[in-house]
Amino acid sequence: MKPYIYDSLDSALIAELRKNGRASISYLADMLKVSRATVQNRLDRLISSGAILGFTIRVHQEIEKEAVRAIMMIEVAGQSTSQVIKKLRGIPELVKLHTTNGAWDLIAELQTSSLSEFDGVLRHVREVDGILNSETSILLSSL
């Protein structure tokens, strides 16, 4: 099987889906100025190639007042960053993942509905092969 090569249309499709993951194929075709079949084919390939791992929703902060949000700084062993990123992207409570420089290799934004769920996510992240160390700070308020 030949690897899928991503192009500017794929990037534009992903950008539109980030704005609205529920956008219809017709809407996306109109926005991207291509046929519905083209959008459907590209979307199918992005999903099957692993470029799109899933679809989710973003909820207004006021609705999730009790949510536990945190920032986790992660140190990765040697050359295993790509493998660690791939595993971390499969954790739904990890809402964003950033690469960085300095003492930490990655910064993850986490959100759970309870402290017990948060504890489980921390345990899950710490069990990922290739993670050497982590430091987590719970976000108390956003200004």
C-alpha atoms as a PDB file:
ATOM      1  CA  MET A   1       0.000   0.000   0.000  1.00  0.00           C
ATOM      2  CA  LYS A   2       1.371   3.379  -1.051  1.00  0.00           C
ATOM      3  CA  PRO A   3       1.461   6.091   1.673  1.00  0.00           C
ATOM      4  CA  TYR A   4      -1.041   8.900   1.258  1.00  0.00           C
ATOM      5  CA  ILE A   5       0.579  12.234   0.358  1.00  0.00           C
ATOM      6  CA  TYR A   6      -1.184  15.228   1.888  1.00  0.00           C
ATOM      7  CA  ASP A   7      -1.630  18.453  -0.052  1.00  0.00           C
ATOM      8  CA  SER A   8      -3.160  21.908   0.342  1.00  0.00           C
ATOM      9  CA  LEU A   9      -6.699  20.601  -0.251  1.00  0.00           C
ATOM     10  CA  ASP A  10      -6.271  18.124   2.610  1.00  0.00           C
ATOM     11  CA  SER A  11      -5.002  20.930   4.846  1.00  0.00           C
ATOM     12  CA  ALA A  12      -7.961  23.133   3.890  1.00  0.00           C
ATOM     13  CA  LEU A  13     -10.395  20.272   4.552  1.00  0.00           C
ATOM     14  CA  ILE A  14      -8.873  19.632   7.981  1.00  0.00           C
ATOM     15  CA  ALA A  15      -9.015  23.368   8.764  1.00  0.00           C
ATOM     16  CA  GLU A  16     -12.724  23.491   7.891  1.00  0.00           C
ATOM     17  CA  LEU A  17     -13.412  20.413  10.015  1.00  0.00           C
ATOM     18  CA  ARG A  18     -11.579  22.006  12.946  1.00  0.00           C
ATOM     19  CA  LYS A  19     -14.002  24.933  12.710  1.00  0.00           C
ATOM     20  CA  ASN A  20     -17.022  22.658  12.441  1.00  0.00           C
ATOM     21  CA  GLY A  21     -16.573  18.903  12.784  1.00  0.00           C
ATOM     22  CA  ARG A  22     -20.235  18.428  11.910  1.00  0.00           C
ATOM     23  CA  ALA A  23     -20.051  20.236   8.570  1.00  0.00           C
ATOM     24  CA  SER A  24     -21.817  18.375   5.785  1.00  0.00           C
ATOM     25  CA  ILE A  25     -20.024  17.080   2.717  1.00  0.00           C
ATOM     26  CA  SER A  26     -22.032  19.567   0.612  1.00  0.00           C
ATOM     27  CA  TYR A  27     -21.006  22.496   2.806  1.00  0.00           C
ATOM     28  CA  LEU A  28     -17.342  21.440   2.727  1.00  0.00           C
ATOM     29  CA  ALA A  29     -17.469  21.039  -1.068  1.00  0.00           C
ATOM     30  CA  ASP A  30     -18.888  24.566  -1.399  1.00  0.00           C
ATOM     31  CA  MET A  31     -16.284  26.033   0.953  1.00  0.00           C
ATOM     32  CA  LEU A  32     -13.390  24.282  -0.785  1.00  0.00           C
ATOM     33  CA  LYS A  33     -14.817  24.785  -4.299  1.00  0.00           C
ATOM     34  CA  VAL A  34     -14.579  21.095  -5.223  1.00  0.00           C
ATOM     35  CA  SER A  35     -17.124  18.344  -5.826  1.00  0.00           C
ATOM     36  CA  ARG A  36     -18.830  16.435  -3.036  1.00  0.00           C
ATOM     37  CA  ALA A  37     -17.200  13.239  -4.322  1.00  0.00           C
ATOM     38  CA  THR A  38     -13.760  14.849  -3.990  1.00  0.00           C
ATOM     39  CA  VAL A  39     -14.472  15.872  -0.399  1.00  0.00           C
ATOM     40  CA  GLN A  40     -15.803  12.407   0.468  1.00  0.00           C
ATOM     41  CA  ASN A  41     -12.784  10.677  -1.121  1.00  0.00           C
ATOM     42  CA  ARG A  42     -10.325  12.979   0.651  1.00  0.00           C
ATOM     43  CA  LEU A  43     -12.103  12.571   3.971  1.00  0.00           C
ATOM     44  CA  ASP A  44     -12.123   8.775   3.613  1.00  0.00           C
ATOM     45  CA  ARG A  45      -8.376   8.775   2.826  1.00  0.00           C
ATOM     46  CA  LEU A  46      -7.561  11.121   5.719  1.00  0.00           C
ATOM     47  CA  ILE A  47      -9.413   8.833   8.109  1.00  0.00           C
ATOM     48  CA  SER A  48      -7.976   5.579   6.735  1.00  0.00           C
ATOM     49  CA  SER A  49      -4.420   6.990   6.689  1.00  0.00           C
ATOM     50  CA  GLY A  50      -4.676   8.052  10.329  1.00  0.00           C
ATOM     51  CA  ALA A  51      -4.419  11.789   9.648  1.00  0.00           C
ATOM     52  CA  ILE A  52      -7.873  12.237  11.214  1.00  0.00           C
ATOM     53  CA  LEU A  53      -8.146  10.215  14.403  1.00  0.00           C
ATOM     54  CA  GLY A  54     -11.734  11.066  15.218  1.00  0.00           C
ATOM     55  CA  PHE A  55     -14.341  13.757  15.559  1.00  0.00           C
ATOM     56  CA  THR A  56     -15.289  15.550  18.741  1.00  0.00           C
ATOM     57  CA  ILE A  57     -17.133  18.582  20.012  1.00  0.00           C
ATOM     58  CA  ARG A  58     -16.006  21.694  21.829  1.00  0.00           C
ATOM     59  CA  VAL A  59     -18.285  22.872  24.600  1.00  0.00           C
ATOM     60  CA  HIS A  60     -18.516  26.426  25.913  1.00  0.00           C
ATOM     61  CA  GLN A  61     -16.561  26.815  29.150  1.00  0.00           C
ATOM     62  CA  GLU A  62     -19.684  27.874  31.089  1.00  0.00           C
ATOM     63  CA  ILE A  63     -21.345  24.530  30.401  1.00  0.00           C
ATOM     64  CA  GLU A  64     -18.449  22.598  31.906  1.00  0.00           C
ATOM     65  CA  LYS A  65     -17.899  24.689  35.031  1.00  0.00           C
ATOM     66  CA  GLU A  66     -16.916  21.620  37.038  1.00  0.00           C
ATOM     67  CA  ALA A  67     -14.426  20.340  34.469  1.00  0.00           C
ATOM     68  CA  VAL A  68     -10.879  19.665  35.641  1.00  0.00           C
ATOM     69  CA  ARG A  69      -8.431  21.293  33.232  1.00  0.00           C
ATOM     70  CA  ALA A  70      -4.664  21.015  33.388  1.00  0.00           C
ATOM     71  CA  ILE A  71      -1.392  21.504  31.572  1.00  0.00           C
ATOM     72  CA  MET A  72       1.057  18.608  31.538  1.00  0.00           C
ATOM     73  CA  MET A  73       4.700  19.070  30.602  1.00  0.00           C
ATOM     74  CA  ILE A  74       6.237  15.865  29.253  1.00  0.00           C
ATOM     75  CA  GLU A  75       9.844  14.725  28.840  1.00  0.00           C
ATOM     76  CA  VAL A  76      10.347  12.116  26.113  1.00  0.00           C
ATOM     77  CA  ALA A  77      13.121   9.512  25.900  1.00  0.00           C
ATOM     78  CA  GLY A  78      15.566   9.927  23.019  1.00  0.00           C
ATOM     79  CA  GLN A  79      14.071   9.579  19.558  1.00  0.00           C
ATOM     80  CA  SER A  80      10.643   8.315  20.628  1.00  0.00           C
ATOM     81  CA  THR A  81       8.759  11.627  20.271  1.00  0.00           C
ATOM     82  CA  SER A  82       6.751  10.546  17.196  1.00  0.00           C
ATOM     83  CA  GLN A  83       5.664   7.297  18.851  1.00  0.00           C
ATOM     84  CA  VAL A  84       4.710   9.097  22.065  1.00  0.00           C
ATOM     85  CA  ILE A  85       2.703  11.725  20.148  1.00  0.00           C
ATOM     86  CA  LYS A  86       0.830   9.006  18.255  1.00  0.00           C
ATOM     87  CA  LYS A  87      -0.117   7.253  21.514  1.00  0.00           C
ATOM     88  CA  LEU A  88      -1.082  10.490  23.277  1.00  0.00           C
ATOM     89  CA  ARG A  89      -3.361  11.559  20.420  1.00  0.00           C
ATOM     90  CA  GLY A  90      -5.474   8.497  21.173  1.00  0.00           C
ATOM     91  CA  ILE A  91      -6.388   9.812  24.639  1.00  0.00           C
ATOM     92  CA  PRO A  92      -9.673  11.732  24.261  1.00  0.00           C
ATOM     93  CA  GLU A  93      -9.172  13.792  27.438  1.00  0.00           C
ATOM     94  CA  LEU A  94      -5.985  15.221  25.935  1.00  0.00           C
ATOM     95  CA  VAL A  95      -7.513  18.159  24.072  1.00  0.00           C
ATOM     96  CA  LYS A  96      -4.316  19.695  22.649  1.00  0.00           C
ATOM     97  CA  LEU A  97      -0.726  18.633  22.280  1.00  0.00           C
ATOM     98  CA  HIS A  98       2.200  20.955  21.577  1.00  0.00           C
ATOM     99  CA  THR A  99       5.872  20.375  20.884  1.00  0.00           C
ATOM    100  CA  THR A 100       8.206  22.796  22.588  1.00  0.00           C
ATOM    101  CA  ASN A 101      11.834  23.515  23.383  1.00  0.00           C
ATOM    102  CA  GLY A 102      13.580  23.729  26.727  1.00  0.00           C
ATOM    103  CA  ALA A 103      13.375  21.262  29.596  1.00  0.00           C
ATOM    104  CA  TRP A 104      10.123  19.674  28.356  1.00  0.00           C
ATOM    105  CA  ASP A 105       9.523  18.097  24.939  1.00  0.00           C
ATOM    106  CA  LEU A 106       5.716  18.226  24.850  1.00  0.00           C
ATOM    107  CA  ILE A 107       2.948  20.175  26.530  1.00  0.00           C
ATOM    108  CA  ALA A 108      -0.481  18.562  26.764  1.00  0.00           C
ATOM    109  CA  GLU A 109      -3.752  20.281  27.623  1.00  0.00           C
ATOM    110  CA  LEU A 110      -6.042  17.923  29.536  1.00  0.00           C
ATOM    111  CA  GLN A 111      -9.711  18.147  30.448  1.00  0.00           C
ATOM    112  CA  THR A 112     -11.815  15.698  32.445  1.00  0.00           C
ATOM    113  CA  SER A 113     -15.177  15.839  34.167  1.00  0.00           C
ATOM    114  CA  SER A 114     -13.895  14.799  37.616  1.00  0.00           C
ATOM    115  CA  LEU A 115     -10.763  14.420  39.711  1.00  0.00           C
ATOM    116  CA  SER A 116     -11.042  10.628  39.659  1.00  0.00           C
ATOM    117  CA  GLU A 117     -11.188  10.674  35.858  1.00  0.00           C
ATOM    118  CA  PHE A 118      -8.244  13.108  35.882  1.00  0.00           C
ATOM    119  CA  ASP A 119      -6.263  10.690  38.066  1.00  0.00           C
ATOM    120  CA  GLY A 120      -6.957   7.902  35.576  1.00  0.00           C
ATOM    121  CA  VAL A 121      -5.767  10.017  32.647  1.00  0.00           C
ATOM    122  CA  LEU A 122      -2.538  10.902  34.487  1.00  0.00           C
ATOM    123  CA  ARG A 123      -1.935   7.216  35.155  1.00  0.00           C
ATOM    124  CA  HIS A 124      -2.623   6.368  31.506  1.00  0.00           C
ATOM    125  CA  VAL A 125      -0.203   9.048  30.237  1.00  0.00           C
ATOM    126  CA  ARG A 126       2.543   7.947  32.625  1.00  0.00           C
ATOM    127  CA  GLU A 127       2.261   4.375  31.301  1.00  0.00           C
ATOM    128  CA  VAL A 128       3.015   5.440  27.712  1.00  0.00           C
ATOM    129  CA  ASP A 129       6.332   3.940  26.594  1.00  0.00           C
ATOM    130  CA  GLY A 130       8.880   6.656  25.899  1.00  0.00           C
ATOM    131  CA  ILE A 131       7.713   9.132  28.542  1.00  0.00           C
ATOM    132  CA  LEU A 132      10.512   9.728  31.052  1.00  0.00           C
ATOM    133  CA  ASN A 133       9.015  12.415  33.245  1.00  0.00           C
ATOM    134  CA  SER A 134       6.011  14.710  33.508  1.00  0.00           C
ATOM    135  CA  GLU A 135       4.796  17.629  35.583  1.00  0.00           C
ATOM    136  CA  THR A 136       1.141  18.599  35.734  1.00  0.00           C
ATOM    137  CA  SER A 137      -0.529  21.811  36.866  1.00  0.00           C
ATOM    138  CA  ILE A 138      -4.285  22.049  37.309  1.00  0.00           C
ATOM    139  CA  LEU A 139      -5.752  25.247  35.857  1.00  0.00           C
ATOM    140  CA  LEU A 140      -7.793  27.048  38.501  1.00  0.00           C
ATOM    141  CA  SER A 141      -9.237  29.890  36.404  1.00  0.00           C
ATOM    142  CA  SER A 142      -8.850  31.545  33.017  1.00  0.00           C
ATOM    143  CA  LEU A 143      -8.528  35.295  32.848  1.00  0.00           C
END
